[in-house]
Amino acid sequence: MLLRRALPTARHYSAHHFRFMRRVLHWPQLLVEDRRTAWAIGVFAVVLFAVGNLPWQLDDYDQAKQAFTSFQMVNEGHWLYQTTPHDWIATKPPLIGWISAALFYTTRSWEFAWRAPSFLAAAIIAILLFRFNRSAYGAAAAVIGFAAFTLNLLTPRLATLVRTDMPLALIVFLVGAMIWNKIRQGDQRRPNENLILFILLTAGMLIKGPVVLAFLVPGIVMYALVRVEDKPRDFGGWWPWVVSFLVFLVWAGIGIRFVPGFYDQVVVREFLGRFGGEAHRAQPLLFYWPHLLHKFAPWSLLIIALAISVLRTVEWQPKRLNISSGTRWLICWSFGGLIVMSLLPSKRVDRIFPVIPPLCLLLGAFIRSAVSRTQAAKNVFQWTAAALAFAVLFTTGYVFWKVRTGYQEHRDALARFGQQVRQEAAAQHLRFGVVSSPDEGLLLYLRQLHFVLPQPAAAQWNAGQFDALVVSTADLPDLNSQLNPSGIPTLRSRPIKQGPTEYVFLTKPR
């Protein structure tokens, strides 16, 4: 009787224990396939993106040059061609400046207008990566591809940086993904696909010029060379590529003809100078490869590990892999742009960022292939779960270390000083000028359009045109000796460790 009563309990315990052990043994797979993991990563990524560049400032990575374009558009109406704070010709086409200007008219916040384009572009890429990976390669690939894009050392940094790298990456990704989808689905023409391709390529041209082609055309050429099946119309018609480039040439041609200094500063120094080491510091040929391995870790290492595991199943004979057309395009797309950008002598790590999204799709393809080909699929899920855990810790530690040191070193000292000066000038109804300085962001912090040279600044002060001046402490003694009456420093910027010069707000005695 007692034994009979105990049997159901034992059976229930055994079933419960089996389910528990199954979850314990398969927790890596459950983790990386769970949609809640993706939601958690998404919320976490938004926080990292939002704080990654705190304290906000414009003193590095040419942020001031990019921010000044939209500031000049709104205040002086220079909608096609702009200058830098030091009156050089702005070298980037104006599309991101137009977007920032429109955002400012909507929100009346320059900080939001300058940083929102990169943030929104990063969010769109992340969402599309999740959807594309899920539809093509499954739930695990979707979560890991999404995590790979958001949790690395490049994306949180660029997500609110006042630059054009993230919007350019979005355009390159949209065009490359159009080609990828068309390759996967066969030679099916969709309504207005050439028009959409033309709009995207033109947007890329008006963001950063022909560099958009450097991340797409080499992959197209490589794909055409290695493909064995009949040639479908995978890349759209010829006219979107040609006409979009002609749009850029029209913009550049008008600038050469009507804007003084455009040819020397933009065409010769900025564009042609990238092919030599005179105007821009040259870097070694393989400069990008170790940087990408480090900045995209642990996902770069996971891609290598998955590729090795798949090759081992075919005894290191790639021809036996029977790689799908879609995966072949992802390989060509990712490495074609990386190879061509490596050939340019002028290099900087953030310029290679547009290869990150296709690598995230390629990672999804490798996960799907490794799980289906290898007998130890459990190991693949363990690797991906370990990479996810490491990425969370590694990226979080890096971001919060950058933020902590930024506040400790007072990197926003000039931004705070500019805000204090604006408040003081508004309260006292002071007309003030900014004496010429090497710190380009100073004009934007003070919401001024032009620097003033020391001698004209002194003359305008003496003539009563200025009630106050912002001047560096290095120039203060010489300038103050020319002022009548001599100025009184009322505000002073905080020193920045290994940073810009200190500044004072010089006012007339009352």
Protein backbone atom coordinates (compact mmCIF):
# COMPACT_ATOMS: atom_id res chain seq x y z
CA MET A 1 0.00 0.00 0.00
CA LEU A 2 2.72 2.46 1.01
CA LEU A 3 4.83 1.47 -2.00
CA ARG A 4 1.89 1.98 -4.33
CA ARG A 5 1.28 5.46 -2.92
CA ALA A 6 4.92 6.39 -3.22
CA LEU A 7 5.26 5.41 -6.88
CA PRO A 8 3.40 8.42 -8.36
CA THR A 9 5.48 10.74 -6.21
CA ALA A 10 8.66 9.04 -7.37
CA ARG A 11 7.56 9.21 -10.98
CA HIS A 12 6.64 12.88 -10.54
CA TYR A 13 9.99 13.56 -8.88
CA SER A 14 11.85 11.78 -11.67
CA ALA A 15 10.07 13.73 -14.40
CA HIS A 16 10.62 16.99 -12.55
CA HIS A 17 14.26 16.09 -11.96
CA PHE A 18 14.72 15.16 -15.63
CA ARG A 19 13.30 18.49 -16.78
CA PHE A 20 15.48 20.33 -14.29
CA MET A 21 18.62 18.52 -15.42
CA ARG A 22 17.73 19.07 -19.04
CA ARG A 23 17.48 22.81 -18.43
CA VAL A 24 20.78 22.77 -16.53
CA LEU A 25 22.56 20.88 -19.31
CA HIS A 26 21.05 22.99 -22.08
CA TRP A 27 21.03 26.41 -20.41
CA PRO A 28 23.48 27.95 -22.95
CA GLN A 29 21.11 27.14 -25.80
CA LEU A 30 18.09 28.32 -23.84
CA LEU A 31 19.91 31.55 -23.01
CA VAL A 32 20.95 32.48 -26.52
CA GLU A 33 17.62 31.47 -28.09
CA ASP A 34 15.38 33.25 -25.58
CA ARG A 35 13.74 36.42 -26.88
CA ARG A 36 13.93 37.87 -23.37
CA THR A 37 17.71 37.79 -23.68
CA ALA A 38 17.45 40.01 -26.72
CA TRP A 39 15.18 42.44 -24.84
CA ALA A 40 17.64 42.55 -21.94
CA ILE A 41 20.53 43.19 -24.33
CA GLY A 42 18.51 45.92 -26.07
CA VAL A 43 17.77 47.79 -22.85
CA PHE A 44 21.37 47.39 -21.75
CA ALA A 45 22.64 48.64 -25.12
CA VAL A 46 20.46 51.76 -25.00
CA VAL A 47 21.99 52.62 -21.62
CA LEU A 48 25.52 52.06 -22.95
CA PHE A 49 24.81 54.13 -26.05
CA ALA A 50 23.37 56.98 -23.98
CA VAL A 51 26.24 57.18 -21.49
CA GLY A 52 29.12 56.02 -23.69
CA ASN A 53 30.39 59.53 -24.49
CA LEU A 54 29.62 61.24 -21.20
CA PRO A 55 30.59 63.87 -20.30
CA TRP A 56 29.48 65.27 -23.66
CA GLN A 57 31.96 67.56 -25.35
CA LEU A 58 33.19 68.39 -28.85
CA ASP A 59 36.93 68.57 -28.27
CA ASP A 60 38.06 65.37 -30.02
CA TYR A 61 37.49 63.20 -33.12
CA ASP A 62 36.65 66.29 -35.23
CA GLN A 63 33.24 66.51 -33.59
CA ALA A 64 33.34 70.31 -33.61
CA LYS A 65 33.79 70.39 -37.39
CA GLN A 66 30.72 68.20 -37.94
CA ALA A 67 28.59 70.06 -35.37
CA PHE A 68 29.55 73.44 -36.83
CA THR A 69 28.05 72.59 -40.24
CA SER A 70 24.46 72.45 -38.94
CA PHE A 71 25.08 75.39 -36.58
CA GLN A 72 26.18 77.48 -39.56
CA MET A 73 23.23 76.31 -41.65
CA VAL A 74 20.72 77.48 -39.05
CA ASN A 75 22.44 80.77 -38.19
CA GLU A 76 23.91 81.86 -41.53
CA GLY A 77 21.91 79.90 -44.11
CA HIS A 78 24.91 78.05 -45.60
CA TRP A 79 22.96 74.99 -46.69
CA LEU A 80 25.22 73.53 -49.40
CA TYR A 81 28.76 74.44 -48.38
CA GLN A 82 29.97 75.20 -44.89
CA THR A 83 33.21 76.09 -43.16
CA THR A 84 34.94 74.84 -40.03
CA PRO A 85 35.24 77.03 -36.92
CA HIS A 86 38.62 78.22 -38.24
CA ASP A 87 37.13 79.13 -41.64
CA TRP A 88 38.44 76.14 -43.58
CA ILE A 89 36.02 74.57 -46.05
CA ALA A 90 33.98 71.75 -44.50
CA THR A 91 35.05 68.54 -46.22
CA LYS A 92 31.88 66.45 -45.78
CA PRO A 93 28.73 66.74 -47.92
CA PRO A 94 25.81 68.34 -46.06
CA LEU A 95 23.18 65.60 -45.49
CA ILE A 96 23.86 64.95 -41.79
CA GLY A 97 24.04 68.71 -41.26
CA TRP A 98 20.58 69.03 -42.83
CA ILE A 99 19.23 66.33 -40.51
CA SER A 100 20.74 67.99 -37.43
CA ALA A 101 19.36 71.37 -38.50
CA ALA A 102 15.87 69.87 -38.90
CA LEU A 103 16.14 68.23 -35.48
CA PHE A 104 17.17 71.54 -33.93
CA TYR A 105 14.20 73.34 -35.45
CA THR A 106 12.01 70.60 -33.95
CA THR A 107 13.57 70.27 -30.48
CA ARG A 108 15.52 73.55 -30.01
CA SER A 109 18.32 71.46 -28.47
CA TRP A 110 21.69 71.43 -30.16
CA GLU A 111 23.03 68.53 -28.09
CA PHE A 112 20.11 66.36 -29.20
CA ALA A 113 20.30 67.55 -32.81
CA TRP A 114 24.00 66.78 -33.08
CA ARG A 115 23.96 63.35 -31.45
CA ALA A 116 20.57 61.92 -32.44
CA PRO A 117 21.50 60.96 -36.07
CA SER A 118 24.19 58.53 -34.89
CA PHE A 119 22.04 57.16 -32.06
CA LEU A 120 19.04 56.53 -34.32
CA ALA A 121 21.24 54.96 -37.00
CA ALA A 122 22.73 52.57 -34.42
CA ALA A 123 19.26 51.60 -33.16
CA ILE A 124 17.99 50.91 -36.69
CA ILE A 125 21.00 48.74 -37.56
CA ALA A 126 20.59 46.73 -34.33
CA ILE A 127 16.88 46.09 -34.91
CA LEU A 128 17.40 45.09 -38.54
CA LEU A 129 20.25 42.76 -37.63
CA PHE A 130 18.01 40.95 -35.16
CA ARG A 131 15.19 40.59 -37.70
CA PHE A 132 17.42 39.54 -40.61
CA ASN A 133 19.39 37.02 -38.56
CA ARG A 134 16.22 35.54 -37.09
CA SER A 135 14.53 35.09 -40.47
CA ALA A 136 17.62 33.62 -42.12
CA TYR A 137 19.52 31.76 -39.42
CA GLY A 138 17.27 31.25 -36.40
CA ALA A 139 16.76 32.51 -32.86
CA ALA A 140 20.31 31.92 -31.57
CA ALA A 141 21.85 33.77 -34.52
CA ALA A 142 19.42 36.66 -33.99
CA VAL A 143 20.33 37.13 -30.33
CA ILE A 144 24.07 36.74 -30.86
CA GLY A 145 24.17 38.93 -33.99
CA PHE A 146 22.23 41.61 -32.11
CA ALA A 147 24.62 41.33 -29.16
CA ALA A 148 27.69 41.41 -31.40
CA PHE A 149 26.67 44.76 -32.88
CA THR A 150 25.73 46.42 -29.60
CA LEU A 151 28.34 44.96 -27.22
CA ASN A 152 31.78 45.81 -28.58
CA LEU A 153 34.24 48.66 -28.14
CA LEU A 154 33.22 50.58 -31.28
CA THR A 155 29.43 50.83 -31.32
CA PRO A 156 28.80 52.43 -27.89
CA ARG A 157 31.50 54.98 -28.67
CA LEU A 158 30.14 55.96 -32.08
CA ALA A 159 26.46 55.81 -31.10
CA THR A 160 26.38 59.40 -29.76
CA LEU A 161 29.58 60.76 -31.30
CA VAL A 162 29.02 63.83 -33.48
CA ARG A 163 30.38 62.19 -36.61
CA THR A 164 29.15 60.64 -39.84
CA ASP A 165 30.48 57.08 -39.31
CA MET A 166 27.30 55.55 -37.87
CA PRO A 167 24.90 57.06 -40.47
CA LEU A 168 27.27 55.93 -43.22
CA ALA A 169 27.31 52.42 -41.73
CA LEU A 170 23.49 52.41 -41.83
CA ILE A 171 23.43 53.28 -45.54
CA VAL A 172 26.09 50.69 -46.38
CA PHE A 173 24.19 48.08 -44.36
CA LEU A 174 20.85 48.83 -46.03
CA VAL A 175 22.34 48.54 -49.52
CA GLY A 176 24.31 45.39 -48.66
CA ALA A 177 21.27 43.82 -46.99
CA MET A 178 19.15 44.54 -50.09
CA ILE A 179 21.69 42.61 -52.16
CA TRP A 180 21.85 39.82 -49.56
CA ASN A 181 18.06 39.41 -49.49
CA LYS A 182 17.87 39.35 -53.26
CA ILE A 183 20.61 36.73 -53.51
CA ARG A 184 18.88 34.53 -50.94
CA GLN A 185 15.45 34.85 -52.56
CA GLY A 186 16.58 34.39 -56.14
CA ASP A 187 16.30 36.73 -59.10
CA GLN A 188 13.00 38.30 -58.09
CA ARG A 189 12.50 41.92 -59.00
CA ARG A 190 10.56 44.08 -56.57
CA PRO A 191 8.69 47.30 -57.31
CA ASN A 192 10.86 50.43 -57.17
CA GLU A 193 13.96 48.51 -56.04
CA ASN A 194 16.23 50.57 -58.30
CA LEU A 195 14.67 53.79 -57.03
CA ILE A 196 15.23 52.69 -53.41
CA LEU A 197 18.81 51.73 -54.26
CA PHE A 198 19.36 55.13 -55.90
CA ILE A 199 18.00 56.98 -52.84
CA LEU A 200 20.21 55.01 -50.47
CA LEU A 201 23.36 55.42 -52.56
CA THR A 202 22.69 59.14 -53.02
CA ALA A 203 22.25 59.49 -49.25
CA GLY A 204 25.59 57.75 -48.77
CA MET A 205 27.23 60.09 -51.28
CA LEU A 206 25.82 63.12 -49.46
CA ILE A 207 26.99 61.82 -46.09
CA LYS A 208 30.63 61.03 -46.81
CA GLY A 209 31.17 60.99 -50.55
CA PRO A 210 32.32 58.05 -52.71
CA VAL A 211 33.68 56.14 -49.70
CA VAL A 212 30.26 54.43 -49.61
CA LEU A 213 31.32 52.62 -52.79
CA ALA A 214 34.54 51.41 -51.15
CA PHE A 215 32.48 49.26 -48.76
CA LEU A 216 30.22 47.79 -51.46
CA VAL A 217 31.84 47.65 -54.90
CA PRO A 218 34.87 45.50 -53.87
CA GLY A 219 32.49 42.92 -52.38
CA ILE A 220 30.41 42.93 -55.56
CA VAL A 221 33.53 42.34 -57.67
CA MET A 222 34.74 39.53 -55.39
CA TYR A 223 31.30 37.91 -55.40
CA ALA A 224 31.12 38.03 -59.19
CA LEU A 225 34.55 36.37 -59.42
CA VAL A 226 33.89 33.50 -57.00
CA ARG A 227 30.26 32.72 -57.91
CA VAL A 228 29.73 29.58 -59.96
CA GLU A 229 26.01 29.71 -60.70
CA ASP A 230 24.35 31.70 -63.45
CA LYS A 231 24.53 35.43 -62.99
CA PRO A 232 21.27 36.93 -61.71
CA ARG A 233 20.58 40.65 -61.37
CA ASP A 234 21.61 40.70 -57.72
CA PHE A 235 22.92 44.25 -57.58
CA GLY A 236 20.15 46.22 -59.24
CA GLY A 237 20.49 48.16 -62.46
CA TRP A 238 23.55 50.17 -63.36
CA TRP A 239 21.87 53.57 -63.21
CA PRO A 240 21.45 53.91 -59.38
CA TRP A 241 25.20 53.49 -58.93
CA VAL A 242 26.16 55.87 -61.73
CA VAL A 243 23.54 58.56 -61.18
CA SER A 244 24.12 58.72 -57.42
CA PHE A 245 27.82 59.28 -58.10
CA LEU A 246 26.90 61.99 -60.60
CA VAL A 247 24.88 63.74 -57.88
CA PHE A 248 28.01 63.88 -55.74
CA LEU A 249 30.05 65.12 -58.71
CA VAL A 250 27.54 67.92 -59.28
CA TRP A 251 27.86 69.00 -55.63
CA ALA A 252 31.67 68.83 -55.83
CA GLY A 253 31.76 70.57 -59.22
CA ILE A 254 29.68 73.52 -58.02
CA GLY A 255 31.96 73.80 -54.99
CA ILE A 256 35.09 73.79 -57.18
CA ARG A 257 33.60 76.46 -59.44
CA PHE A 258 32.06 78.84 -56.94
CA VAL A 259 33.56 78.22 -53.47
CA PRO A 260 37.07 79.65 -52.99
CA GLY A 261 39.47 77.10 -51.58
CA PHE A 262 37.18 74.12 -52.20
CA TYR A 263 39.47 72.45 -54.74
CA ASP A 264 42.65 72.77 -52.64
CA GLN A 265 41.12 71.93 -49.27
CA VAL A 266 38.52 69.30 -50.20
CA VAL A 267 39.62 67.70 -53.47
CA VAL A 268 43.41 67.85 -53.12
CA ARG A 269 43.98 67.73 -49.37
CA GLU A 270 40.99 65.74 -48.09
CA PHE A 271 40.27 63.34 -50.96
CA LEU A 272 43.50 62.89 -52.93
CA GLY A 273 45.51 63.29 -49.73
CA ARG A 274 44.05 60.01 -48.45
CA PHE A 275 46.12 58.18 -51.07
CA GLY A 276 49.42 59.58 -49.77
CA GLY A 277 51.09 60.21 -46.46
CA GLU A 278 51.81 63.91 -46.87
CA ALA A 279 48.50 65.51 -45.80
CA HIS A 280 47.35 62.64 -43.57
CA ARG A 281 49.53 60.41 -41.45
CA ALA A 282 50.01 57.07 -43.17
CA GLN A 283 49.51 53.81 -41.27
CA PRO A 284 50.80 50.26 -41.97
CA LEU A 285 48.97 48.07 -44.48
CA LEU A 286 47.55 45.72 -41.82
CA PHE A 287 46.62 48.51 -39.40
CA TYR A 288 42.89 47.67 -39.39
CA TRP A 289 43.16 43.91 -38.88
CA PRO A 290 44.54 43.76 -35.30
CA HIS A 291 42.40 46.76 -34.32
CA LEU A 292 39.28 45.03 -35.63
CA LEU A 293 40.25 41.83 -33.84
CA HIS A 294 40.53 43.80 -30.58
CA LYS A 295 37.68 46.29 -30.92
CA PHE A 296 35.23 43.63 -32.12
CA ALA A 297 36.24 41.08 -29.47
CA PRO A 298 34.99 38.58 -28.38
CA TRP A 299 32.90 38.28 -31.52
CA SER A 300 35.90 38.40 -33.86
CA LEU A 301 37.38 35.44 -31.97
CA LEU A 302 34.04 33.62 -32.04
CA ILE A 303 33.82 34.00 -35.83
CA ILE A 304 37.30 32.49 -36.17
CA ALA A 305 36.48 29.64 -33.78
CA LEU A 306 33.23 28.81 -35.60
CA ALA A 307 34.96 28.89 -38.99
CA ILE A 308 37.61 26.48 -37.73
CA SER A 309 35.00 24.12 -36.25
CA VAL A 310 33.10 24.01 -39.54
CA LEU A 311 36.27 23.47 -41.61
CA ARG A 312 37.24 20.55 -39.38
CA THR A 313 34.01 18.77 -40.33
CA VAL A 314 35.08 18.76 -43.99
CA GLU A 315 38.71 17.89 -43.22
CA TRP A 316 39.92 21.40 -44.08
CA GLN A 317 38.62 21.28 -47.65
CA PRO A 318 36.56 24.47 -48.20
CA LYS A 319 35.19 23.19 -51.53
CA ARG A 320 33.20 20.57 -49.64
CA LEU A 321 31.39 23.18 -47.55
CA ASN A 322 28.87 24.01 -50.28
CA ILE A 323 28.61 27.59 -49.01
CA SER A 324 25.26 29.22 -49.79
CA SER A 325 25.12 32.25 -52.06
CA GLY A 326 23.95 34.46 -49.21
CA THR A 327 26.87 33.50 -46.98
CA ARG A 328 29.28 33.92 -49.86
CA TRP A 329 28.02 37.46 -50.36
CA LEU A 330 28.44 38.24 -46.65
CA ILE A 331 32.07 37.09 -46.80
CA CYS A 332 32.78 39.14 -49.91
CA TRP A 333 30.93 42.18 -48.57
CA SER A 334 32.73 42.16 -45.20
CA PHE A 335 36.25 41.49 -46.36
CA GLY A 336 36.08 43.37 -49.67
CA GLY A 337 35.60 46.68 -47.89
CA LEU A 338 38.18 45.79 -45.26
CA ILE A 339 40.81 44.96 -47.89
CA VAL A 340 40.23 48.12 -49.95
CA MET A 341 40.24 50.40 -46.90
CA SER A 342 43.50 48.73 -45.81
CA LEU A 343 45.10 49.72 -49.11
CA LEU A 344 44.57 53.43 -48.37
CA PRO A 345 47.59 54.87 -46.53
CA SER A 346 45.45 57.20 -44.40
CA LYS A 347 43.70 55.15 -41.70
CA ARG A 348 41.75 55.63 -38.49
CA VAL A 349 39.98 52.87 -36.56
CA ASP A 350 36.45 54.33 -36.72
CA ARG A 351 36.57 54.51 -40.53
CA ILE A 352 36.29 50.73 -40.79
CA PHE A 353 33.10 50.60 -38.73
CA PRO A 354 30.76 49.88 -41.72
CA VAL A 355 32.17 46.32 -41.90
CA ILE A 356 30.81 45.52 -38.42
CA PRO A 357 27.11 45.01 -39.41
CA PRO A 358 27.86 42.51 -42.22
CA LEU A 359 30.22 40.69 -39.85
CA CYS A 360 27.28 40.38 -37.43
CA LEU A 361 25.21 38.75 -40.18
CA LEU A 362 28.16 36.53 -41.07
CA LEU A 363 28.42 35.50 -37.42
CA GLY A 364 24.77 34.42 -37.56
CA ALA A 365 25.44 32.37 -40.69
CA PHE A 366 28.42 30.67 -39.04
CA ILE A 367 26.38 29.82 -35.93
CA ARG A 368 23.69 28.21 -38.07
CA SER A 369 26.28 26.29 -40.07
CA ALA A 370 28.25 25.16 -37.01
CA VAL A 371 25.13 23.94 -35.21
CA SER A 372 23.89 21.99 -38.22
CA ARG A 373 27.25 20.51 -39.25
CA THR A 374 29.05 19.65 -36.05
CA GLN A 375 28.09 16.79 -33.77
CA ALA A 376 29.00 18.82 -30.72
CA ALA A 377 26.34 21.50 -31.23
CA LYS A 378 26.21 21.87 -27.45
CA ASN A 379 29.76 23.25 -27.57
CA VAL A 380 28.69 25.93 -30.06
CA PHE A 381 26.01 27.18 -27.69
CA GLN A 382 28.49 27.13 -24.83
CA TRP A 383 30.91 29.24 -26.85
CA THR A 384 28.21 31.74 -27.79
CA ALA A 385 26.94 32.00 -24.21
CA ALA A 386 30.48 32.49 -22.92
CA ALA A 387 31.13 35.17 -25.58
CA LEU A 388 27.90 36.93 -24.59
CA ALA A 389 28.84 36.95 -20.90
CA PHE A 390 32.34 38.17 -21.67
CA ALA A 391 31.03 40.91 -23.99
CA VAL A 392 28.67 42.23 -21.33
CA LEU A 393 31.47 42.48 -18.77
CA PHE A 394 34.13 43.71 -21.21
CA THR A 395 32.02 46.39 -22.90
CA THR A 396 30.45 47.59 -19.66
CA GLY A 397 33.83 47.86 -17.96
CA TYR A 398 35.30 49.78 -20.88
CA VAL A 399 32.38 52.21 -21.20
CA PHE A 400 32.16 53.01 -17.52
CA TRP A 401 35.95 53.35 -17.28
CA LYS A 402 35.81 55.93 -20.09
CA VAL A 403 32.97 57.79 -18.40
CA ARG A 404 34.66 57.74 -14.99
CA THR A 405 37.99 59.03 -16.31
CA GLY A 406 36.13 61.63 -18.38
CA TYR A 407 34.57 63.15 -15.29
CA GLN A 408 37.74 62.80 -13.25
CA GLU A 409 39.76 64.64 -15.90
CA HIS A 410 37.01 67.26 -16.43
CA ARG A 411 36.83 66.64 -20.18
CA ASP A 412 33.68 68.76 -20.33
CA ALA A 413 35.42 71.75 -18.73
CA LEU A 414 35.10 73.92 -21.85
CA ALA A 415 31.48 72.90 -22.34
CA ARG A 416 30.66 73.94 -18.76
CA PHE A 417 32.65 77.14 -19.14
CA GLY A 418 30.75 78.00 -22.32
CA GLN A 419 27.42 77.47 -20.58
CA GLN A 420 28.49 79.70 -17.67
CA VAL A 421 29.62 82.45 -20.05
CA ARG A 422 26.34 82.34 -21.98
CA GLN A 423 24.34 82.60 -18.77
CA GLU A 424 26.46 85.48 -17.47
CA ALA A 425 26.32 87.35 -20.79
CA ALA A 426 22.55 86.92 -21.01
CA ALA A 427 22.02 88.07 -17.42
CA GLN A 428 24.23 91.17 -17.85
CA HIS A 429 23.25 91.84 -21.51
CA LEU A 430 26.90 91.70 -22.56
CA ARG A 431 28.16 91.73 -26.12
CA PHE A 432 31.21 89.49 -26.25
CA GLY A 433 33.72 88.12 -28.73
CA VAL A 434 35.89 85.01 -28.75
CA VAL A 435 39.59 85.54 -29.34
CA SER A 436 41.05 83.06 -31.83
CA SER A 437 41.86 79.71 -30.23
CA PRO A 438 43.00 76.25 -31.35
CA ASP A 439 39.98 74.68 -29.61
CA GLU A 440 37.30 74.52 -32.32
CA GLY A 441 34.55 73.44 -29.94
CA LEU A 442 34.83 76.71 -28.00
CA LEU A 443 32.76 78.58 -30.58
CA LEU A 444 29.95 76.05 -30.31
CA TYR A 445 29.98 76.05 -26.51
CA LEU A 446 29.60 79.84 -26.64
CA ARG A 447 27.09 79.70 -29.55
CA GLN A 448 29.27 82.06 -31.60
CA LEU A 449 29.95 81.89 -35.32
CA HIS A 450 33.41 83.43 -35.68
CA PHE A 451 36.66 83.84 -33.82
CA VAL A 452 38.22 87.31 -33.60
CA LEU A 453 41.96 87.89 -33.94
CA PRO A 454 43.64 89.58 -30.92
CA GLN A 455 44.29 93.00 -32.49
CA PRO A 456 40.78 93.44 -33.98
CA ALA A 457 39.35 92.19 -30.68
CA ALA A 458 41.27 94.86 -28.77
CA ALA A 459 40.16 97.54 -31.27
CA GLN A 460 36.50 96.54 -30.96
CA TRP A 461 36.77 96.49 -27.17
CA ASN A 462 38.27 99.99 -27.13
CA ALA A 463 35.58 101.23 -29.54
CA GLY A 464 32.82 99.93 -27.26
CA GLN A 465 31.65 97.18 -29.62
CA PHE A 466 32.51 94.45 -27.08
CA ASP A 467 31.60 94.46 -23.41
CA ALA A 468 33.50 91.22 -22.78
CA LEU A 469 35.98 88.80 -24.35
CA VAL A 470 36.72 85.09 -24.03
CA VAL A 471 40.49 84.70 -24.20
CA SER A 472 43.02 81.99 -23.35
CA THR A 473 45.21 82.48 -20.30
CA ALA A 474 48.26 82.30 -22.60
CA ASP A 475 47.06 85.34 -24.62
CA LEU A 476 45.63 87.24 -21.66
CA PRO A 477 48.69 89.34 -20.60
CA ASP A 478 49.46 90.68 -24.08
CA LEU A 479 45.82 91.31 -24.93
CA ASN A 480 44.94 92.98 -21.63
CA SER A 481 47.77 95.46 -22.10
CA GLN A 482 46.04 96.69 -25.29
CA LEU A 483 42.61 97.09 -23.72
CA ASN A 484 41.28 100.43 -22.51
CA PRO A 485 40.08 99.95 -19.85
CA SER A 486 41.82 96.72 -18.89
CA GLY A 487 39.51 93.75 -18.44
CA ILE A 488 38.69 91.87 -15.27
CA PRO A 489 38.57 88.04 -15.38
CA THR A 490 35.16 87.08 -13.97
CA LEU A 491 34.94 83.43 -15.04
CA ARG A 492 37.67 80.85 -15.58
CA SER A 493 37.53 77.39 -17.15
CA ARG A 494 38.66 74.39 -15.16
CA PRO A 495 41.96 72.80 -16.22
CA ILE A 496 41.72 69.63 -18.29
CA LYS A 497 44.31 66.93 -17.79
CA GLN A 498 46.44 66.82 -20.94
CA GLY A 499 43.76 68.92 -22.63
CA PRO A 500 43.06 72.33 -24.11
CA THR A 501 44.27 75.66 -22.79
CA GLU A 502 42.44 77.38 -19.95
CA TYR A 503 40.20 80.34 -20.74
CA VAL A 504 38.86 83.37 -18.92
CA PHE A 505 35.81 85.58 -19.45
CA LEU A 506 37.16 89.14 -19.46
CA THR A 507 34.69 91.93 -18.67
CA LYS A 508 34.97 95.70 -18.38
CA PRO A 509 35.14 97.19 -14.88
CA ARG A 510 31.92 98.79 -13.69
